[in-house]
Amino acid sequence: MTLLKHELKQGRTALILWTTVIALMLTICILIYPEMAGQMSDVSGMFAEMGSFSAAFGMDRLDFGEFMGFFGVECGNVLGLGGAFFAALSGISLLAKEEKEQTAEFLLTHPISRGKIVAGKLSALLLQVIILNIFVTAVSALSIWGIGESPDRRTLALLFLAYFILQIEIAAICFGISACISRGGPGIGLGMAALFYFLNIIANLTEHAEFLKYITPFGYTESADIITGGCLKMEYVSVGLLLTIAGILTAFFQYCRKDIH
C-alpha cells in the first residue's frame, strides 16, 4: 500500500495534466458540434468520396451529420491517441526509473519482495488509467448533456470501453518493456503507441493488411465498426487481452530475475 501511494503521488502531476488536456479537448469538440451540425452532411459526403483516405479513418462509413458519427471520428482520435500516449508514457517508466534515478538500492533494501514491487507499481499504473477514464467519461457525458444531444448510450459506452481496454493493453505492454530496460525510455513508449496507430491505418487501406488489426489495439477501437455494428470485435479484443497478460507476466518474470545496477 505504501508503494502504491508513493507511485500515485509521483505520477499525480502527469495524471492531472493529461486528464485535463484530454477532457478539455473532448469538451471543445463536443461543444462545437451544434455550430457545425448543419454543415456536416455536406462534409460527410465529401469525405465518403475521398477513397483510401476516407477508408483509413473509417470516415466512409460514418455520417458526420449525426452526433455519433462526428463523435466517433473527432473525439475518438483525441481519446484514442491521448489515452494511448498517457498509458505508454506511464507504463514505460515505472520499473526502469529505479535504475535511471538510482533509487533501486534504496527500494530493494526494504523488506519487500520484487514481486510485490511489481504488483504495487502495476496497481498504481492501472489505477491511474482508471481515474483518467472515469473523469474523461464524466466530463464528456456532461458536455453531451449540455448541448442537448441524446446519443445511444450503449454505443457510447462501447466506445469508451474500447478505448479503456486499449489504454490498459498499451500500458501493460510498455510495463513489460520497462522491466527489460534500464532507462526510462519515453521515446520507446511514444513510439509503440504511434506504431499501433499507424498499423491500424495501414490495415484500413488494403484487405491484404487486415491481419494487422490482430496486432494493434486500435483495431478494436474502430468507431465505424462499433457504431455500425453495435459491438466490439471480440476476435481483436481477445488477442489484445492475451498481449496484456503477456506484458504483465513479462514484467514479473524479468524484474524478479534481472540484475539491477
C-alpha atoms as a PDB file:
ATOM      1  CA  MET A   1       0.000   0.000   0.000  1.00  0.00           C
ATOM      2  CA  THR A   2       2.879   2.350   0.807  1.00  0.00           C
ATOM      3  CA  LEU A   3       4.445   1.734  -2.601  1.00  0.00           C
ATOM      4  CA  LEU A   4       1.090   2.255  -4.303  1.00  0.00           C
ATOM      5  CA  LYS A   5       0.603   5.607  -2.583  1.00  0.00           C
ATOM      6  CA  HIS A   6       4.177   6.624  -3.413  1.00  0.00           C
ATOM      7  CA  GLU A   7       3.750   5.848  -7.127  1.00  0.00           C
ATOM      8  CA  LEU A   8       0.407   7.656  -7.259  1.00  0.00           C
ATOM      9  CA  LYS A   9       1.988  10.690  -5.599  1.00  0.00           C
ATOM     10  CA  GLN A  10       4.889  10.695  -8.054  1.00  0.00           C
ATOM     11  CA  GLY A  11       2.608  10.358 -11.051  1.00  0.00           C
ATOM     12  CA  ARG A  12      -0.151  12.729  -9.980  1.00  0.00           C
ATOM     13  CA  THR A  13       1.182  15.747 -11.898  1.00  0.00           C
ATOM     14  CA  ALA A  14       1.299  13.827 -15.183  1.00  0.00           C
ATOM     15  CA  LEU A  15      -2.103  12.283 -14.474  1.00  0.00           C
ATOM     16  CA  ILE A  16      -3.717  15.660 -13.748  1.00  0.00           C
ATOM     17  CA  LEU A  17      -2.117  17.259 -16.809  1.00  0.00           C
ATOM     18  CA  TRP A  18      -3.033  14.511 -19.285  1.00  0.00           C
ATOM     19  CA  THR A  19      -6.539  14.094 -17.859  1.00  0.00           C
ATOM     20  CA  THR A  20      -7.207  17.837 -18.024  1.00  0.00           C
ATOM     21  CA  VAL A  21      -5.910  18.205 -21.571  1.00  0.00           C
ATOM     22  CA  ILE A  22      -7.814  15.194 -22.940  1.00  0.00           C
ATOM     23  CA  ALA A  23     -11.036  16.210 -21.149  1.00  0.00           C
ATOM     24  CA  LEU A  24     -10.695  19.808 -22.359  1.00  0.00           C
ATOM     25  CA  MET A  25     -10.144  18.779 -25.984  1.00  0.00           C
ATOM     26  CA  LEU A  26     -13.102  16.389 -25.871  1.00  0.00           C
ATOM     27  CA  THR A  27     -15.284  19.134 -24.372  1.00  0.00           C
ATOM     28  CA  ILE A  28     -14.308  21.575 -27.113  1.00  0.00           C
ATOM     29  CA  CYS A  29     -15.047  19.000 -29.838  1.00  0.00           C
ATOM     30  CA  ILE A  30     -18.461  18.256 -28.343  1.00  0.00           C
ATOM     31  CA  LEU A  31     -19.414  21.887 -27.764  1.00  0.00           C
ATOM     32  CA  ILE A  32     -18.634  22.942 -31.334  1.00  0.00           C
ATOM     33  CA  TYR A  33     -20.840  20.204 -32.806  1.00  0.00           C
ATOM     34  CA  PRO A  34     -24.104  22.254 -32.731  1.00  0.00           C
ATOM     35  CA  GLU A  35     -22.387  25.013 -34.713  1.00  0.00           C
ATOM     36  CA  MET A  36     -21.132  22.555 -37.306  1.00  0.00           C
ATOM     37  CA  ALA A  37     -24.067  20.139 -37.466  1.00  0.00           C
ATOM     38  CA  GLY A  38     -25.697  21.914 -40.387  1.00  0.00           C
ATOM     39  CA  GLN A  39     -22.540  21.701 -42.474  1.00  0.00           C
ATOM     40  CA  MET A  40     -21.612  18.150 -41.538  1.00  0.00           C
ATOM     41  CA  SER A  41     -23.894  16.424 -44.055  1.00  0.00           C
ATOM     42  CA  ASP A  42     -22.052  18.009 -46.985  1.00  0.00           C
ATOM     43  CA  VAL A  43     -18.703  17.309 -45.352  1.00  0.00           C
ATOM     44  CA  SER A  44     -19.698  13.689 -44.776  1.00  0.00           C
ATOM     45  CA  GLY A  45     -20.490  13.207 -48.449  1.00  0.00           C
ATOM     46  CA  MET A  46     -17.201  14.814 -49.451  1.00  0.00           C
ATOM     47  CA  PHE A  47     -15.179  12.592 -47.119  1.00  0.00           C
ATOM     48  CA  ALA A  48     -17.002   9.478 -48.328  1.00  0.00           C
ATOM     49  CA  GLU A  49     -15.717  10.146 -51.847  1.00  0.00           C
ATOM     50  CA  MET A  50     -12.056  10.517 -50.875  1.00  0.00           C
ATOM     51  CA  GLY A  51     -11.260   6.847 -51.411  1.00  0.00           C
ATOM     52  CA  SER A  52      -8.359   5.423 -49.439  1.00  0.00           C
ATOM     53  CA  PHE A  53      -8.060   8.472 -47.197  1.00  0.00           C
ATOM     54  CA  SER A  54     -11.631   8.048 -46.005  1.00  0.00           C
ATOM     55  CA  ALA A  55     -11.202   4.302 -45.524  1.00  0.00           C
ATOM     56  CA  ALA A  56      -8.044   4.821 -43.466  1.00  0.00           C
ATOM     57  CA  PHE A  57     -10.006   6.685 -40.800  1.00  0.00           C
ATOM     58  CA  GLY A  58     -13.354   4.943 -41.242  1.00  0.00           C
ATOM     59  CA  MET A  59     -14.982   8.142 -42.489  1.00  0.00           C
ATOM     60  CA  ASP A  60     -16.552   6.394 -45.474  1.00  0.00           C
ATOM     61  CA  ARG A  61     -18.949   4.517 -43.150  1.00  0.00           C
ATOM     62  CA  LEU A  62     -19.973   7.312 -40.782  1.00  0.00           C
ATOM     63  CA  ASP A  63     -22.417  10.169 -41.150  1.00  0.00           C
ATOM     64  CA  PHE A  64     -20.873  13.390 -39.864  1.00  0.00           C
ATOM     65  CA  GLY A  65     -24.314  14.944 -39.822  1.00  0.00           C
ATOM     66  CA  GLU A  66     -25.212  12.714 -36.860  1.00  0.00           C
ATOM     67  CA  PHE A  67     -23.645  13.252 -33.462  1.00  0.00           C
ATOM     68  CA  MET A  68     -22.289   9.705 -33.085  1.00  0.00           C
ATOM     69  CA  GLY A  69     -20.541   9.878 -36.442  1.00  0.00           C
ATOM     70  CA  PHE A  70     -18.946  13.191 -35.507  1.00  0.00           C
ATOM     71  CA  PHE A  71     -18.031  11.958 -32.016  1.00  0.00           C
ATOM     72  CA  GLY A  72     -16.591   8.687 -33.306  1.00  0.00           C
ATOM     73  CA  VAL A  73     -14.090  10.379 -35.601  1.00  0.00           C
ATOM     74  CA  GLU A  74     -13.214  13.672 -33.912  1.00  0.00           C
ATOM     75  CA  CYS A  75     -13.461  12.726 -30.240  1.00  0.00           C
ATOM     76  CA  GLY A  76     -12.352   9.165 -30.878  1.00  0.00           C
ATOM     77  CA  ASN A  77      -8.997  10.322 -32.225  1.00  0.00           C
ATOM     78  CA  VAL A  78      -8.491  12.652 -29.253  1.00  0.00           C
ATOM     79  CA  LEU A  79      -9.274   9.962 -26.683  1.00  0.00           C
ATOM     80  CA  GLY A  80      -7.517   7.207 -28.619  1.00  0.00           C
ATOM     81  CA  LEU A  81      -4.200   8.967 -29.210  1.00  0.00           C
ATOM     82  CA  GLY A  82      -4.214  10.978 -25.984  1.00  0.00           C
ATOM     83  CA  GLY A  83      -5.065   7.974 -23.838  1.00  0.00           C
ATOM     84  CA  ALA A  84      -2.582   5.753 -25.669  1.00  0.00           C
ATOM     85  CA  PHE A  85       0.274   8.220 -25.201  1.00  0.00           C
ATOM     86  CA  PHE A  86      -0.518   8.643 -21.495  1.00  0.00           C
ATOM     87  CA  ALA A  87      -0.702   4.885 -20.924  1.00  0.00           C
ATOM     88  CA  ALA A  88       2.542   4.301 -22.831  1.00  0.00           C
ATOM     89  CA  LEU A  89       4.486   7.007 -21.003  1.00  0.00           C
ATOM     90  CA  SER A  90       3.199   5.855 -17.630  1.00  0.00           C
ATOM     91  CA  GLY A  91       3.953   2.187 -18.223  1.00  0.00           C
ATOM     92  CA  ILE A  92       7.378   2.529 -19.832  1.00  0.00           C
ATOM     93  CA  SER A  93       8.948   4.372 -16.908  1.00  0.00           C
ATOM     94  CA  LEU A  94       7.629   2.624 -13.809  1.00  0.00           C
ATOM     95  CA  LEU A  95      10.206  -0.152 -13.469  1.00  0.00           C
ATOM     96  CA  ALA A  96      13.086   1.316 -15.454  1.00  0.00           C
ATOM     97  CA  LYS A  97      13.179   4.570 -13.493  1.00  0.00           C
ATOM     98  CA  GLU A  98      14.570   2.842 -10.388  1.00  0.00           C
ATOM     99  CA  GLU A  99      17.863   2.303 -12.215  1.00  0.00           C
ATOM    100  CA  LYS A 100      17.762   5.582 -14.113  1.00  0.00           C
ATOM    101  CA  GLU A 101      17.195   7.652 -10.989  1.00  0.00           C
ATOM    102  CA  GLN A 102      19.482   5.400  -8.906  1.00  0.00           C
ATOM    103  CA  THR A 103      16.794   4.650  -6.337  1.00  0.00           C
ATOM    104  CA  ALA A 104      16.842   0.860  -6.810  1.00  0.00           C
ATOM    105  CA  GLU A 105      19.312   0.304  -3.962  1.00  0.00           C
ATOM    106  CA  PHE A 106      17.096   2.198  -1.527  1.00  0.00           C
ATOM    107  CA  LEU A 107      13.936   0.399  -2.667  1.00  0.00           C
ATOM    108  CA  LEU A 108      15.367  -3.112  -2.714  1.00  0.00           C
ATOM    109  CA  THR A 109      16.842  -2.880   0.773  1.00  0.00           C
ATOM    110  CA  HIS A 110      13.345  -2.675   2.225  1.00  0.00           C
ATOM    111  CA  PRO A 111      11.638  -5.898   3.438  1.00  0.00           C
ATOM    112  CA  ILE A 112       9.551  -6.258   0.309  1.00  0.00           C
ATOM    113  CA  SER A 113       9.948  -8.812  -2.454  1.00  0.00           C
ATOM    114  CA  ARG A 114      10.477  -7.870  -6.069  1.00  0.00           C
ATOM    115  CA  GLY A 115       7.161  -9.488  -6.912  1.00  0.00           C
ATOM    116  CA  LYS A 116       5.366  -7.154  -4.531  1.00  0.00           C
ATOM    117  CA  ILE A 117       7.248  -4.192  -6.014  1.00  0.00           C
ATOM    118  CA  VAL A 118       6.000  -5.098  -9.486  1.00  0.00           C
ATOM    119  CA  ALA A 119       2.466  -5.686  -8.172  1.00  0.00           C
ATOM    120  CA  GLY A 120       2.426  -2.320  -6.389  1.00  0.00           C
ATOM    121  CA  LYS A 121       3.662  -0.413  -9.421  1.00  0.00           C
ATOM    122  CA  LEU A 122       1.234  -2.260 -11.694  1.00  0.00           C
ATOM    123  CA  SER A 123      -1.653  -1.400  -9.378  1.00  0.00           C
ATOM    124  CA  ALA A 124      -0.665   2.271  -9.487  1.00  0.00           C
ATOM    125  CA  LEU A 125      -0.500   2.166 -13.288  1.00  0.00           C
ATOM    126  CA  LEU A 126      -3.941   0.576 -13.664  1.00  0.00           C
ATOM    127  CA  LEU A 127      -5.457   2.940 -11.111  1.00  0.00           C
ATOM    128  CA  GLN A 128      -4.146   5.981 -12.981  1.00  0.00           C
ATOM    129  CA  VAL A 129      -5.679   4.729 -16.232  1.00  0.00           C
ATOM    130  CA  ILE A 130      -8.986   4.090 -14.448  1.00  0.00           C
ATOM    131  CA  ILE A 131      -9.010   7.573 -12.892  1.00  0.00           C
ATOM    132  CA  LEU A 132      -8.324   9.203 -16.259  1.00  0.00           C
ATOM    133  CA  ASN A 133     -11.152   7.304 -17.943  1.00  0.00           C
ATOM    134  CA  ILE A 134     -13.681   7.959 -15.182  1.00  0.00           C
ATOM    135  CA  PHE A 135     -13.022  11.701 -15.268  1.00  0.00           C
ATOM    136  CA  VAL A 136     -12.942  11.941 -19.074  1.00  0.00           C
ATOM    137  CA  THR A 137     -16.145   9.911 -19.420  1.00  0.00           C
ATOM    138  CA  ALA A 138     -17.932  12.066 -16.840  1.00  0.00           C
ATOM    139  CA  VAL A 139     -16.839  15.316 -18.490  1.00  0.00           C
ATOM    140  CA  SER A 140     -17.875  14.029 -21.927  1.00  0.00           C
ATOM    141  CA  ALA A 141     -21.294  12.956 -20.615  1.00  0.00           C
ATOM    142  CA  LEU A 142     -21.864  16.397 -19.080  1.00  0.00           C
ATOM    143  CA  SER A 143     -20.799  18.099 -22.310  1.00  0.00           C
ATOM    144  CA  ILE A 144     -23.150  15.937 -24.380  1.00  0.00           C
ATOM    145  CA  TRP A 145     -25.984  16.706 -21.967  1.00  0.00           C
ATOM    146  CA  GLY A 146     -25.079  20.391 -22.164  1.00  0.00           C
ATOM    147  CA  ILE A 147     -25.603  20.584 -25.929  1.00  0.00           C
ATOM    148  CA  GLY A 148     -28.882  18.686 -25.711  1.00  0.00           C
ATOM    149  CA  GLU A 149     -27.814  15.555 -27.588  1.00  0.00           C
ATOM    150  CA  SER A 150     -29.091  12.109 -26.623  1.00  0.00           C
ATOM    151  CA  PRO A 151     -26.942   9.506 -28.433  1.00  0.00           C
ATOM    152  CA  ASP A 152     -27.421   5.777 -27.964  1.00  0.00           C
ATOM    153  CA  ARG A 153     -25.974   5.103 -24.514  1.00  0.00           C
ATOM    154  CA  ARG A 154     -24.930   1.560 -25.266  1.00  0.00           C
ATOM    155  CA  THR A 155     -22.922   2.566 -28.342  1.00  0.00           C
ATOM    156  CA  LEU A 156     -21.334   5.459 -26.489  1.00  0.00           C
ATOM    157  CA  ALA A 157     -20.424   3.163 -23.589  1.00  0.00           C
ATOM    158  CA  LEU A 158     -18.866   0.681 -26.011  1.00  0.00           C
ATOM    159  CA  LEU A 159     -16.692   3.436 -27.497  1.00  0.00           C
ATOM    160  CA  PHE A 160     -15.390   4.452 -24.091  1.00  0.00           C
ATOM    161  CA  LEU A 161     -14.918   0.800 -23.097  1.00  0.00           C
ATOM    162  CA  ALA A 162     -12.895   0.104 -26.240  1.00  0.00           C
ATOM    163  CA  TYR A 163     -10.533   2.988 -25.562  1.00  0.00           C
ATOM    164  CA  PHE A 164     -10.197   1.950 -21.926  1.00  0.00           C
ATOM    165  CA  ILE A 165      -9.166  -1.580 -22.969  1.00  0.00           C
ATOM    166  CA  LEU A 166      -6.746  -0.060 -25.488  1.00  0.00           C
ATOM    167  CA  GLN A 167      -5.072   2.014 -22.780  1.00  0.00           C
ATOM    168  CA  ILE A 168      -4.792  -0.983 -20.462  1.00  0.00           C
ATOM    169  CA  GLU A 169      -3.218  -3.069 -23.230  1.00  0.00           C
ATOM    170  CA  ILE A 170      -0.666  -0.417 -24.208  1.00  0.00           C
ATOM    171  CA  ALA A 171       0.128   0.293 -20.546  1.00  0.00           C
ATOM    172  CA  ALA A 172       0.714  -3.432 -19.879  1.00  0.00           C
ATOM    173  CA  ILE A 173       2.919  -3.902 -22.951  1.00  0.00           C
ATOM    174  CA  CYS A 174       5.041  -0.879 -22.072  1.00  0.00           C
ATOM    175  CA  PHE A 175       5.157  -2.020 -18.441  1.00  0.00           C
ATOM    176  CA  GLY A 176       6.634  -5.316 -19.618  1.00  0.00           C
ATOM    177  CA  ILE A 177       9.184  -3.479 -21.764  1.00  0.00           C
ATOM    178  CA  SER A 178      10.045  -1.297 -18.764  1.00  0.00           C
ATOM    179  CA  ALA A 179      11.271  -4.373 -16.887  1.00  0.00           C
ATOM    180  CA  CYS A 180      13.677  -5.154 -19.723  1.00  0.00           C
ATOM    181  CA  ILE A 181      15.377  -1.756 -19.992  1.00  0.00           C
ATOM    182  CA  SER A 182      17.495   0.234 -17.579  1.00  0.00           C
ATOM    183  CA  ARG A 183      16.432   3.715 -18.622  1.00  0.00           C
ATOM    184  CA  GLY A 184      13.085   5.493 -18.660  1.00  0.00           C
ATOM    185  CA  GLY A 185      12.654   5.237 -22.421  1.00  0.00           C
ATOM    186  CA  PRO A 186       9.744   7.685 -23.013  1.00  0.00           C
ATOM    187  CA  GLY A 187      10.624   7.606 -26.696  1.00  0.00           C
ATOM    188  CA  ILE A 188      10.046   3.859 -26.768  1.00  0.00           C
ATOM    189  CA  GLY A 189       6.619   4.267 -25.175  1.00  0.00           C
ATOM    190  CA  LEU A 190       5.515   7.032 -27.540  1.00  0.00           C
ATOM    191  CA  GLY A 191       6.918   5.091 -30.476  1.00  0.00           C
ATOM    192  CA  MET A 192       4.916   1.991 -29.518  1.00  0.00           C
ATOM    193  CA  ALA A 193       1.665   3.965 -29.265  1.00  0.00           C
ATOM    194  CA  ALA A 194       2.296   5.731 -32.580  1.00  0.00           C
ATOM    195  CA  LEU A 195       3.247   2.445 -34.267  1.00  0.00           C
ATOM    196  CA  PHE A 196      -0.004   0.800 -33.184  1.00  0.00           C
ATOM    197  CA  TYR A 197      -1.984   3.780 -34.511  1.00  0.00           C
ATOM    198  CA  PHE A 198      -0.361   3.719 -37.944  1.00  0.00           C
ATOM    199  CA  LEU A 199      -0.621  -0.074 -38.200  1.00  0.00           C
ATOM    200  CA  ASN A 200      -4.392   0.337 -37.930  1.00  0.00           C
ATOM    201  CA  ILE A 201      -4.381   2.972 -40.685  1.00  0.00           C
ATOM    202  CA  ILE A 202      -2.424   0.603 -42.938  1.00  0.00           C
ATOM    203  CA  ALA A 203      -4.860  -2.218 -42.121  1.00  0.00           C
ATOM    204  CA  ASN A 204      -7.759   0.016 -43.217  1.00  0.00           C
ATOM    205  CA  LEU A 205      -6.117   0.864 -46.534  1.00  0.00           C
ATOM    206  CA  THR A 206      -5.929  -2.629 -48.001  1.00  0.00           C
ATOM    207  CA  GLU A 207      -7.500  -6.014 -47.355  1.00  0.00           C
ATOM    208  CA  HIS A 208      -4.062  -7.627 -47.628  1.00  0.00           C
ATOM    209  CA  ALA A 209      -3.038  -5.891 -44.389  1.00  0.00           C
ATOM    210  CA  GLU A 210      -6.174  -6.642 -42.350  1.00  0.00           C
ATOM    211  CA  PHE A 211      -4.215  -9.145 -40.254  1.00  0.00           C
ATOM    212  CA  LEU A 212      -2.534  -6.138 -38.628  1.00  0.00           C
ATOM    213  CA  LYS A 213      -5.760  -5.480 -36.723  1.00  0.00           C
ATOM    214  CA  TYR A 214      -4.934  -8.513 -34.612  1.00  0.00           C
ATOM    215  CA  ILE A 215      -1.692  -6.796 -33.592  1.00  0.00           C
ATOM    216  CA  THR A 216      -2.781  -3.225 -32.972  1.00  0.00           C
ATOM    217  CA  PRO A 217      -5.241  -2.363 -30.171  1.00  0.00           C
ATOM    218  CA  PHE A 218      -6.642   0.380 -32.390  1.00  0.00           C
ATOM    219  CA  GLY A 219      -8.179  -2.437 -34.424  1.00  0.00           C
ATOM    220  CA  TYR A 220     -10.989  -2.933 -31.894  1.00  0.00           C
ATOM    221  CA  THR A 221     -11.484   0.807 -31.237  1.00  0.00           C
ATOM    222  CA  GLU A 222     -12.548   1.491 -34.830  1.00  0.00           C
ATOM    223  CA  SER A 223     -15.510   3.808 -34.275  1.00  0.00           C
ATOM    224  CA  ALA A 224     -17.085   2.926 -37.621  1.00  0.00           C
ATOM    225  CA  ASP A 225     -17.213  -0.769 -36.658  1.00  0.00           C
ATOM    226  CA  ILE A 226     -18.626  -0.058 -33.190  1.00  0.00           C
ATOM    227  CA  ILE A 227     -21.252   2.461 -34.320  1.00  0.00           C
ATOM    228  CA  THR A 228     -22.484   0.472 -37.321  1.00  0.00           C
ATOM    229  CA  GLY A 229     -22.153  -2.979 -35.728  1.00  0.00           C
ATOM    230  CA  GLY A 230     -23.166  -2.107 -32.198  1.00  0.00           C
ATOM    231  CA  CYS A 231     -20.478  -4.311 -30.636  1.00  0.00           C
ATOM    232  CA  LEU A 232     -16.750  -4.792 -30.192  1.00  0.00           C
ATOM    233  CA  LYS A 233     -14.949  -7.264 -32.418  1.00  0.00           C
ATOM    234  CA  MET A 234     -14.082  -9.871 -29.842  1.00  0.00           C
ATOM    235  CA  GLU A 235     -11.530 -11.618 -32.049  1.00  0.00           C
ATOM    236  CA  TYR A 236      -9.378  -8.488 -31.852  1.00  0.00           C
ATOM    237  CA  VAL A 237     -10.160  -7.849 -28.180  1.00  0.00           C
ATOM    238  CA  SER A 238      -9.186 -11.429 -27.289  1.00  0.00           C
ATOM    239  CA  VAL A 239      -5.752 -11.045 -28.857  1.00  0.00           C
ATOM    240  CA  GLY A 240      -5.390  -7.716 -27.074  1.00  0.00           C
ATOM    241  CA  LEU A 241      -6.146  -9.345 -23.727  1.00  0.00           C
ATOM    242  CA  LEU A 242      -3.533 -12.024 -24.413  1.00  0.00           C
ATOM    243  CA  LEU A 243      -0.943  -9.332 -25.194  1.00  0.00           C
ATOM    244  CA  THR A 244      -1.942  -7.538 -21.980  1.00  0.00           C
ATOM    245  CA  ILE A 245      -1.368 -10.678 -19.930  1.00  0.00           C
ATOM    246  CA  ALA A 246       1.910 -11.317 -21.757  1.00  0.00           C
ATOM    247  CA  GLY A 247       3.140  -7.812 -20.909  1.00  0.00           C
ATOM    248  CA  ILE A 248       2.281  -8.226 -17.220  1.00  0.00           C
ATOM    249  CA  LEU A 249       3.867 -11.687 -16.985  1.00  0.00           C
ATOM    250  CA  THR A 250       6.992 -10.366 -18.721  1.00  0.00           C
ATOM    251  CA  ALA A 251       7.254  -7.601 -16.133  1.00  0.00           C
ATOM    252  CA  PHE A 252       7.060 -10.041 -13.214  1.00  0.00           C
ATOM    253  CA  PHE A 253       9.413 -12.599 -14.754  1.00  0.00           C
ATOM    254  CA  GLN A 254      12.065 -10.175 -15.984  1.00  0.00           C
ATOM    255  CA  TYR A 255      12.127  -7.833 -12.992  1.00  0.00           C
ATOM    256  CA  CYS A 256      12.344 -10.681 -10.497  1.00  0.00           C
ATOM    257  CA  ARG A 257      15.394 -12.181 -12.184  1.00  0.00           C
ATOM    258  CA  LYS A 258      17.315  -9.233 -13.673  1.00  0.00           C
ATOM    259  CA  ASP A 259      20.491  -7.753 -12.242  1.00  0.00           C
ATOM    260  CA  ILE A 260      19.596  -4.245 -11.146  1.00  0.00           C
ATOM    261  CA  HIS A 261      22.504  -1.803 -11.081  1.00  0.00           C
END
